[in-house]
Amino acid sequence: MLRLSKKSDYALIALRHLATGDKSVSARELAQRFDIPIELLAKVLQKLARAGLLVSHQGLRGGYVLARAAAQISVADIIVAVDGPLTVTACSDQDQTCDQYSKCNVRDPLWRLKDRIVAALAGCTLAELAMDPPPAADSVHVHFGKPFGGGLSAERR
């Protein structure tokens, strides 16, 4: 199952909030607003700052702001900053230690699938996430289109 980590979830939540505001926000404020453990959120925000997606301001009115326009930050940028390179398999073209590497008949197709996923995430910006209205109390269901075609869509119930 493909799934974002909690750290990526928290990063997206925090950055979406920063993209919709016009002032610096502290890690504590974000943690309280979204019920996120402060220690984990602080580490996530530090990773985002080290990756050049956030700027940290110290002091009484300190906090975090976006380092560049939300339209210039992709979802892929955010996930990679927090969790490292995106993968869908344990093997990679750099690591050929898998016993199945030379015989694997799905390795290359799965790498191509990963490239498509990365391209989709790279094509979605923080500005796009920020344009969506906040979710209602109801759930969101994701539907997948035809394999290797179609696309992703979400429907509120």
N, C-alpha and C. Protein backbone atom coordinates (compact mmCIF):
# COMPACT_ATOMS: atom_id res chain seq x y z
N MET A 1 0.84 -1.18 0.00
CA MET A 1 0.00 0.00 0.00
C MET A 1 0.88 1.24 0.00
N LEU A 2 0.58 2.15 -0.86
CA LEU A 2 1.32 3.42 -0.88
C LEU A 2 0.68 4.34 0.14
N ARG A 3 1.53 4.91 0.98
CA ARG A 3 1.00 5.74 2.06
C ARG A 3 2.05 6.75 2.49
N LEU A 4 1.60 7.97 2.75
CA LEU A 4 2.52 8.99 3.27
C LEU A 4 2.78 8.71 4.75
N SER A 5 3.97 9.04 5.19
CA SER A 5 4.29 8.89 6.61
C SER A 5 3.57 9.97 7.41
N LYS A 6 3.49 9.77 8.71
CA LYS A 6 2.91 10.79 9.59
C LYS A 6 3.72 12.08 9.50
N LYS A 7 5.03 11.95 9.39
CA LYS A 7 5.88 13.15 9.27
C LYS A 7 5.52 13.94 8.02
N SER A 8 5.30 13.25 6.91
CA SER A 8 4.88 13.95 5.68
C SER A 8 3.51 14.57 5.85
N ASP A 9 2.60 13.83 6.48
CA ASP A 9 1.27 14.38 6.75
C ASP A 9 1.39 15.69 7.54
N TYR A 10 2.18 15.66 8.60
CA TYR A 10 2.33 16.84 9.45
C TYR A 10 2.99 17.98 8.69
N ALA A 11 3.97 17.65 7.86
CA ALA A 11 4.64 18.68 7.05
C ALA A 11 3.64 19.35 6.11
N LEU A 12 2.82 18.56 5.44
CA LEU A 12 1.82 19.10 4.52
C LEU A 12 0.80 19.96 5.26
N ILE A 13 0.38 19.51 6.43
CA ILE A 13 -0.58 20.29 7.24
C ILE A 13 0.01 21.65 7.61
N ALA A 14 1.24 21.62 8.12
CA ALA A 14 1.89 22.85 8.57
C ALA A 14 2.14 23.80 7.40
N LEU A 15 2.67 23.27 6.30
CA LEU A 15 2.98 24.13 5.16
C LEU A 15 1.72 24.69 4.51
N ARG A 16 0.66 23.90 4.48
CA ARG A 16 -0.60 24.41 3.93
C ARG A 16 -1.08 25.59 4.76
N HIS A 17 -0.98 25.46 6.07
CA HIS A 17 -1.38 26.56 6.96
C HIS A 17 -0.52 27.80 6.71
N LEU A 18 0.78 27.60 6.60
CA LEU A 18 1.67 28.73 6.35
C LEU A 18 1.40 29.36 4.99
N ALA A 19 1.01 28.55 4.03
CA ALA A 19 0.73 29.08 2.68
C ALA A 19 -0.53 29.93 2.65
N THR A 20 -1.43 29.73 3.59
CA THR A 20 -2.68 30.50 3.60
C THR A 20 -2.62 31.72 4.50
N GLY A 21 -1.53 31.85 5.25
CA GLY A 21 -1.39 32.99 6.16
C GLY A 21 -0.35 33.97 5.66
N ASP A 22 -0.21 35.05 6.42
CA ASP A 22 0.76 36.07 6.00
C ASP A 22 1.71 36.44 7.13
N LYS A 23 1.76 35.60 8.17
CA LYS A 23 2.67 35.90 9.27
C LYS A 23 3.42 34.65 9.69
N SER A 24 4.46 34.87 10.43
CA SER A 24 5.27 33.78 10.95
C SER A 24 4.48 33.04 12.04
N VAL A 25 4.61 31.72 12.07
CA VAL A 25 3.88 30.90 13.04
C VAL A 25 4.87 29.98 13.73
N SER A 26 4.76 29.87 15.03
CA SER A 26 5.68 29.02 15.80
C SER A 26 5.26 27.56 15.71
N ALA A 27 6.22 26.70 16.00
CA ALA A 27 5.94 25.26 16.02
C ALA A 27 4.87 24.96 17.06
N ARG A 28 4.94 25.63 18.19
CA ARG A 28 3.95 25.41 19.26
C ARG A 28 2.53 25.79 18.80
N GLU A 29 2.42 26.93 18.12
CA GLU A 29 1.10 27.34 17.61
C GLU A 29 0.53 26.31 16.64
N LEU A 30 1.37 25.86 15.72
CA LEU A 30 0.92 24.86 14.75
C LEU A 30 0.53 23.56 15.43
N ALA A 31 1.35 23.13 16.38
CA ALA A 31 1.08 21.87 17.09
C ALA A 31 -0.25 21.95 17.84
N GLN A 32 -0.48 23.08 18.51
CA GLN A 32 -1.74 23.23 19.24
C GLN A 32 -2.94 23.31 18.31
N ARG A 33 -2.81 24.04 17.24
CA ARG A 33 -3.92 24.22 16.31
C ARG A 33 -4.36 22.90 15.67
N PHE A 34 -3.39 22.04 15.33
CA PHE A 34 -3.70 20.82 14.60
C PHE A 34 -3.53 19.55 15.43
N ASP A 35 -3.37 19.70 16.74
CA ASP A 35 -3.22 18.55 17.65
C ASP A 35 -2.11 17.59 17.18
N ILE A 36 -0.94 18.16 16.96
CA ILE A 36 0.23 17.40 16.53
C ILE A 36 1.23 17.43 17.68
N PRO A 37 1.87 16.30 17.99
CA PRO A 37 2.89 16.32 19.05
C PRO A 37 3.98 17.34 18.73
N ILE A 38 4.24 18.24 19.66
CA ILE A 38 5.15 19.36 19.44
C ILE A 38 6.57 18.89 19.11
N GLU A 39 7.05 17.84 19.80
CA GLU A 39 8.42 17.38 19.56
C GLU A 39 8.58 16.89 18.13
N LEU A 40 7.62 16.12 17.65
CA LEU A 40 7.70 15.59 16.29
C LEU A 40 7.55 16.72 15.27
N LEU A 41 6.61 17.63 15.49
CA LEU A 41 6.42 18.73 14.55
C LEU A 41 7.66 19.62 14.49
N ALA A 42 8.28 19.88 15.63
CA ALA A 42 9.49 20.71 15.64
C ALA A 42 10.59 20.08 14.79
N LYS A 43 10.75 18.76 14.87
CA LYS A 43 11.75 18.06 14.06
C LYS A 43 11.41 18.14 12.58
N VAL A 44 10.13 17.99 12.26
CA VAL A 44 9.68 18.08 10.86
C VAL A 44 9.95 19.48 10.31
N LEU A 45 9.62 20.51 11.09
CA LEU A 45 9.83 21.88 10.64
C LEU A 45 11.31 22.19 10.46
N GLN A 46 12.15 21.63 11.32
CA GLN A 46 13.60 21.82 11.17
C GLN A 46 14.10 21.19 9.89
N LYS A 47 13.59 19.99 9.56
CA LYS A 47 13.98 19.35 8.29
C LYS A 47 13.55 20.20 7.10
N LEU A 48 12.35 20.75 7.17
CA LEU A 48 11.85 21.59 6.08
C LEU A 48 12.69 22.85 5.94
N ALA A 49 13.15 23.41 7.06
CA ALA A 49 14.01 24.60 7.02
C ALA A 49 15.38 24.24 6.43
N ARG A 50 15.93 23.09 6.85
CA ARG A 50 17.23 22.66 6.30
C ARG A 50 17.14 22.40 4.80
N ALA A 51 15.97 21.99 4.33
CA ALA A 51 15.79 21.72 2.90
C ALA A 51 15.50 23.00 2.11
N GLY A 52 15.40 24.14 2.80
CA GLY A 52 15.18 25.40 2.13
C GLY A 52 13.73 25.69 1.79
N LEU A 53 12.80 24.97 2.43
CA LEU A 53 11.37 25.22 2.17
C LEU A 53 10.78 26.20 3.18
N LEU A 54 11.39 26.29 4.34
CA LEU A 54 10.96 27.22 5.38
C LEU A 54 12.14 28.08 5.82
N VAL A 55 11.80 29.25 6.37
CA VAL A 55 12.77 30.11 7.02
C VAL A 55 12.33 30.23 8.47
N SER A 56 13.28 30.07 9.37
CA SER A 56 13.01 30.14 10.79
C SER A 56 13.47 31.49 11.33
N HIS A 57 12.61 32.16 12.08
CA HIS A 57 12.95 33.43 12.73
C HIS A 57 12.94 33.22 14.24
N GLN A 58 14.02 33.59 14.89
CA GLN A 58 14.14 33.44 16.33
C GLN A 58 13.55 34.65 17.04
N GLY A 59 13.31 34.50 18.33
CA GLY A 59 12.88 35.63 19.13
C GLY A 59 11.42 35.57 19.52
N LEU A 60 10.98 36.66 20.18
CA LEU A 60 9.63 36.73 20.73
C LEU A 60 8.56 36.56 19.65
N ARG A 61 8.73 37.17 18.54
CA ARG A 61 7.76 37.05 17.45
C ARG A 61 8.27 36.10 16.36
N GLY A 62 9.10 35.16 16.79
CA GLY A 62 9.70 34.21 15.87
C GLY A 62 8.72 33.16 15.39
N GLY A 63 9.22 32.30 14.56
CA GLY A 63 8.41 31.24 14.00
C GLY A 63 8.88 30.89 12.61
N TYR A 64 8.01 30.28 11.85
CA TYR A 64 8.36 29.83 10.51
C TYR A 64 7.52 30.53 9.46
N VAL A 65 8.15 30.78 8.31
CA VAL A 65 7.46 31.29 7.12
C VAL A 65 8.00 30.49 5.93
N LEU A 66 7.25 30.48 4.85
CA LEU A 66 7.71 29.81 3.64
C LEU A 66 8.95 30.52 3.11
N ALA A 67 9.90 29.74 2.62
CA ALA A 67 11.12 30.31 2.07
C ALA A 67 10.91 30.84 0.66
N ARG A 68 9.89 30.37 -0.02
CA ARG A 68 9.55 30.85 -1.36
C ARG A 68 8.05 30.71 -1.56
N ALA A 69 7.58 31.20 -2.66
CA ALA A 69 6.14 31.18 -2.94
C ALA A 69 5.61 29.74 -2.93
N ALA A 70 4.39 29.58 -2.45
CA ALA A 70 3.77 28.26 -2.38
C ALA A 70 3.68 27.60 -3.76
N ALA A 71 3.56 28.40 -4.79
CA ALA A 71 3.49 27.86 -6.16
C ALA A 71 4.83 27.29 -6.61
N GLN A 72 5.90 27.57 -5.88
CA GLN A 72 7.23 27.08 -6.23
C GLN A 72 7.67 25.90 -5.35
N ILE A 73 6.75 25.40 -4.53
CA ILE A 73 7.04 24.27 -3.65
C ILE A 73 6.11 23.13 -4.05
N SER A 74 6.68 22.02 -4.46
CA SER A 74 5.85 20.88 -4.86
C SER A 74 5.64 19.93 -3.68
N VAL A 75 4.61 19.12 -3.80
CA VAL A 75 4.36 18.09 -2.78
C VAL A 75 5.56 17.14 -2.73
N ALA A 76 6.14 16.84 -3.87
CA ALA A 76 7.34 15.98 -3.88
C ALA A 76 8.48 16.62 -3.09
N ASP A 77 8.68 17.93 -3.25
CA ASP A 77 9.72 18.64 -2.48
C ASP A 77 9.53 18.42 -0.98
N ILE A 78 8.29 18.52 -0.55
CA ILE A 78 7.96 18.41 0.88
C ILE A 78 8.22 17.00 1.38
N ILE A 79 7.74 16.00 0.66
CA ILE A 79 7.90 14.61 1.09
C ILE A 79 9.37 14.22 1.11
N VAL A 80 10.11 14.59 0.08
CA VAL A 80 11.54 14.25 0.02
C VAL A 80 12.31 14.95 1.15
N ALA A 81 11.94 16.18 1.46
CA ALA A 81 12.61 16.91 2.55
C ALA A 81 12.44 16.21 3.88
N VAL A 82 11.28 15.62 4.09
CA VAL A 82 10.96 15.00 5.38
C VAL A 82 11.37 13.53 5.43
N ASP A 83 11.09 12.79 4.37
CA ASP A 83 11.28 11.33 4.40
C ASP A 83 12.40 10.81 3.50
N GLY A 84 13.01 11.68 2.72
CA GLY A 84 14.04 11.21 1.80
C GLY A 84 13.44 10.79 0.47
N PRO A 85 14.25 10.20 -0.38
CA PRO A 85 13.79 9.85 -1.73
C PRO A 85 12.55 8.95 -1.71
N LEU A 86 11.68 9.18 -2.68
CA LEU A 86 10.47 8.38 -2.80
C LEU A 86 10.80 7.03 -3.43
N THR A 87 10.28 5.97 -2.85
CA THR A 87 10.50 4.62 -3.39
C THR A 87 9.19 3.84 -3.34
N VAL A 88 9.08 2.84 -4.19
CA VAL A 88 7.92 1.94 -4.13
C VAL A 88 8.38 0.50 -3.93
N THR A 89 9.68 0.26 -4.05
CA THR A 89 10.24 -1.08 -3.82
C THR A 89 11.47 -0.95 -2.94
N ALA A 90 11.87 -2.08 -2.39
CA ALA A 90 13.07 -2.08 -1.54
C ALA A 90 14.34 -1.95 -2.37
N CYS A 91 14.27 -2.37 -3.64
CA CYS A 91 15.47 -2.31 -4.47
C CYS A 91 15.57 -0.95 -5.17
N SER A 92 16.75 -0.67 -5.64
CA SER A 92 16.96 0.57 -6.40
C SER A 92 18.05 0.32 -7.42
N ASP A 93 18.21 1.25 -8.33
CA ASP A 93 19.26 1.07 -9.34
C ASP A 93 20.66 1.25 -8.74
N GLN A 94 20.76 1.81 -7.55
CA GLN A 94 22.06 1.95 -6.89
C GLN A 94 22.38 0.74 -6.00
N ASP A 95 21.34 0.04 -5.53
CA ASP A 95 21.53 -1.08 -4.61
C ASP A 95 21.17 -2.38 -5.33
N GLN A 96 22.18 -3.12 -5.72
CA GLN A 96 21.95 -4.36 -6.46
C GLN A 96 22.22 -5.58 -5.59
N THR A 97 22.04 -5.44 -4.26
CA THR A 97 22.33 -6.54 -3.34
C THR A 97 21.17 -7.51 -3.20
N CYS A 98 20.01 -7.21 -3.74
CA CYS A 98 18.86 -8.10 -3.65
C CYS A 98 19.15 -9.40 -4.39
N ASP A 99 18.80 -10.52 -3.81
CA ASP A 99 19.01 -11.82 -4.45
C ASP A 99 18.25 -11.95 -5.77
N GLN A 100 17.16 -11.22 -5.90
CA GLN A 100 16.34 -11.29 -7.10
C GLN A 100 16.71 -10.26 -8.16
N TYR A 101 17.67 -9.41 -7.87
CA TYR A 101 17.94 -8.27 -8.74
C TYR A 101 18.10 -8.66 -10.21
N SER A 102 18.91 -9.63 -10.52
CA SER A 102 19.18 -9.97 -11.92
C SER A 102 18.03 -10.72 -12.58
N LYS A 103 17.16 -11.33 -11.79
CA LYS A 103 16.05 -12.12 -12.34
C LYS A 103 14.70 -11.44 -12.20
N CYS A 104 14.65 -10.35 -11.51
CA CYS A 104 13.36 -9.72 -11.19
C CYS A 104 12.66 -9.23 -12.46
N ASN A 105 11.42 -9.65 -12.64
CA ASN A 105 10.68 -9.25 -13.84
C ASN A 105 9.74 -8.07 -13.61
N VAL A 106 9.72 -7.53 -12.40
CA VAL A 106 8.87 -6.36 -12.13
C VAL A 106 9.69 -5.14 -11.72
N ARG A 107 10.98 -5.31 -11.59
CA ARG A 107 11.83 -4.20 -11.13
C ARG A 107 11.69 -2.98 -12.03
N ASP A 108 11.91 -3.12 -13.32
CA ASP A 108 11.85 -1.97 -14.22
C ASP A 108 10.45 -1.38 -14.33
N PRO A 109 9.40 -2.20 -14.45
CA PRO A 109 8.06 -1.61 -14.47
C PRO A 109 7.73 -0.85 -13.17
N LEU A 110 8.19 -1.36 -12.04
CA LEU A 110 7.93 -0.67 -10.77
C LEU A 110 8.72 0.63 -10.68
N TRP A 111 9.92 0.65 -11.24
CA TRP A 111 10.68 1.90 -11.26
C TRP A 111 9.98 2.93 -12.14
N ARG A 112 9.42 2.48 -13.26
CA ARG A 112 8.66 3.40 -14.12
C ARG A 112 7.42 3.91 -13.40
N LEU A 113 6.77 3.04 -12.63
CA LEU A 113 5.61 3.45 -11.84
C LEU A 113 6.03 4.50 -10.81
N LYS A 114 7.16 4.27 -10.17
CA LYS A 114 7.67 5.25 -9.19
C LYS A 114 7.91 6.60 -9.86
N ASP A 115 8.47 6.56 -11.07
CA ASP A 115 8.71 7.81 -11.79
C ASP A 115 7.40 8.55 -12.06
N ARG A 116 6.34 7.82 -12.37
CA ARG A 116 5.04 8.45 -12.59
C ARG A 116 4.48 9.06 -11.31
N ILE A 117 4.65 8.34 -10.22
CA ILE A 117 4.17 8.85 -8.93
C ILE A 117 4.93 10.12 -8.56
N VAL A 118 6.25 10.09 -8.71
CA VAL A 118 7.08 11.26 -8.41
C VAL A 118 6.66 12.43 -9.30
N ALA A 119 6.42 12.16 -10.58
CA ALA A 119 6.01 13.24 -11.49
C ALA A 119 4.66 13.83 -11.07
N ALA A 120 3.74 12.98 -10.64
CA ALA A 120 2.43 13.49 -10.18
C ALA A 120 2.60 14.35 -8.93
N LEU A 121 3.42 13.92 -7.99
CA LEU A 121 3.65 14.69 -6.77
C LEU A 121 4.42 15.97 -7.07
N ALA A 122 5.34 15.92 -8.01
CA ALA A 122 6.10 17.10 -8.40
C ALA A 122 5.23 18.10 -9.14
N GLY A 123 4.18 17.62 -9.78
CA GLY A 123 3.28 18.50 -10.53
C GLY A 123 2.21 19.14 -9.68
N CYS A 124 2.12 18.76 -8.42
CA CYS A 124 1.12 19.34 -7.51
C CYS A 124 1.85 20.28 -6.54
N THR A 125 1.45 21.53 -6.50
CA THR A 125 2.14 22.51 -5.66
C THR A 125 1.42 22.75 -4.34
N LEU A 126 2.15 23.33 -3.42
CA LEU A 126 1.59 23.73 -2.14
C LEU A 126 0.47 24.76 -2.37
N ALA A 127 0.62 25.60 -3.36
CA ALA A 127 -0.43 26.59 -3.68
C ALA A 127 -1.73 25.89 -4.05
N GLU A 128 -1.64 24.77 -4.78
CA GLU A 128 -2.85 24.02 -5.13
C GLU A 128 -3.50 23.43 -3.88
N LEU A 129 -2.68 22.90 -2.97
CA LEU A 129 -3.22 22.36 -1.72
C LEU A 129 -3.91 23.45 -0.91
N ALA A 130 -3.31 24.62 -0.92
CA ALA A 130 -3.84 25.73 -0.13
C ALA A 130 -5.14 26.28 -0.70
N MET A 131 -5.40 26.05 -1.99
CA MET A 131 -6.64 26.55 -2.60
C MET A 131 -7.85 25.73 -2.20
N ASP A 132 -7.66 24.45 -1.89
CA ASP A 132 -8.79 23.62 -1.50
C ASP A 132 -9.34 24.10 -0.17
N PRO A 133 -10.67 24.08 -0.02
CA PRO A 133 -11.23 24.47 1.28
C PRO A 133 -10.87 23.43 2.33
N PRO A 134 -10.80 23.83 3.59
CA PRO A 134 -10.51 22.85 4.65
C PRO A 134 -11.57 21.76 4.64
N PRO A 135 -11.19 20.53 5.02
CA PRO A 135 -12.14 19.43 4.98
C PRO A 135 -13.26 19.60 6.00
N ALA A 136 -14.42 19.09 5.64
CA ALA A 136 -15.54 19.06 6.57
C ALA A 136 -15.31 17.88 7.51
N ALA A 137 -16.22 17.65 8.41
CA ALA A 137 -16.08 16.56 9.36
C ALA A 137 -16.26 15.20 8.68
N ASP A 138 -16.78 15.21 7.46
CA ASP A 138 -16.97 13.93 6.76
C ASP A 138 -15.66 13.43 6.19
N SER A 139 -15.66 12.23 5.66
CA SER A 139 -14.44 11.62 5.16
C SER A 139 -14.26 11.88 3.67
N VAL A 140 -13.05 11.67 3.22
CA VAL A 140 -12.71 11.81 1.81
C VAL A 140 -12.31 10.43 1.30
N HIS A 141 -12.88 10.02 0.19
CA HIS A 141 -12.59 8.73 -0.41
C HIS A 141 -11.83 8.95 -1.71
N VAL A 142 -10.74 8.25 -1.87
CA VAL A 142 -9.92 8.40 -3.06
C VAL A 142 -10.20 7.23 -4.00
N HIS A 143 -10.41 7.56 -5.28
CA HIS A 143 -10.66 6.55 -6.29
C HIS A 143 -9.53 6.58 -7.30
N PHE A 144 -9.07 5.41 -7.69
CA PHE A 144 -8.01 5.32 -8.67
C PHE A 144 -8.63 5.01 -10.03
N GLY A 145 -8.11 5.66 -11.05
CA GLY A 145 -8.58 5.43 -12.42
C GLY A 145 -8.01 4.13 -12.95
N LYS A 146 -8.07 3.96 -14.24
CA LYS A 146 -7.54 2.75 -14.89
C LYS A 146 -6.06 2.62 -14.56
N PRO A 147 -5.57 1.36 -14.46
CA PRO A 147 -4.14 1.18 -14.19
C PRO A 147 -3.30 1.87 -15.26
N PHE A 148 -2.29 2.62 -14.81
CA PHE A 148 -1.36 3.35 -15.66
C PHE A 148 -2.06 4.33 -16.58
N GLY A 149 -3.25 4.70 -16.27
CA GLY A 149 -3.98 5.70 -17.04
C GLY A 149 -4.86 6.42 -16.06
N GLY A 150 -5.98 6.89 -16.51
CA GLY A 150 -6.92 7.52 -15.58
C GLY A 150 -6.22 8.51 -14.69
N GLY A 151 -6.46 8.41 -13.43
CA GLY A 151 -5.84 9.33 -12.49
C GLY A 151 -6.43 9.17 -11.13
N LEU A 152 -6.14 10.08 -10.27
CA LEU A 152 -6.67 10.07 -8.92
C LEU A 152 -7.79 11.09 -8.83
N SER A 153 -8.79 10.75 -8.08
CA SER A 153 -9.85 11.73 -7.83
C SER A 153 -10.32 11.52 -6.39
N ALA A 154 -10.86 12.55 -5.82
CA ALA A 154 -11.38 12.44 -4.45
C ALA A 154 -12.82 12.84 -4.44
N GLU A 155 -13.55 12.21 -3.57
CA GLU A 155 -14.98 12.48 -3.46
C GLU A 155 -15.33 12.61 -1.99
N ARG A 156 -16.06 13.62 -1.63
CA ARG A 156 -16.49 13.82 -0.24
C ARG A 156 -17.82 13.11 -0.05
N ARG A 157 -17.97 12.49 1.09
CA ARG A 157 -19.25 11.84 1.43
C ARG A 157 -19.80 12.42 2.69
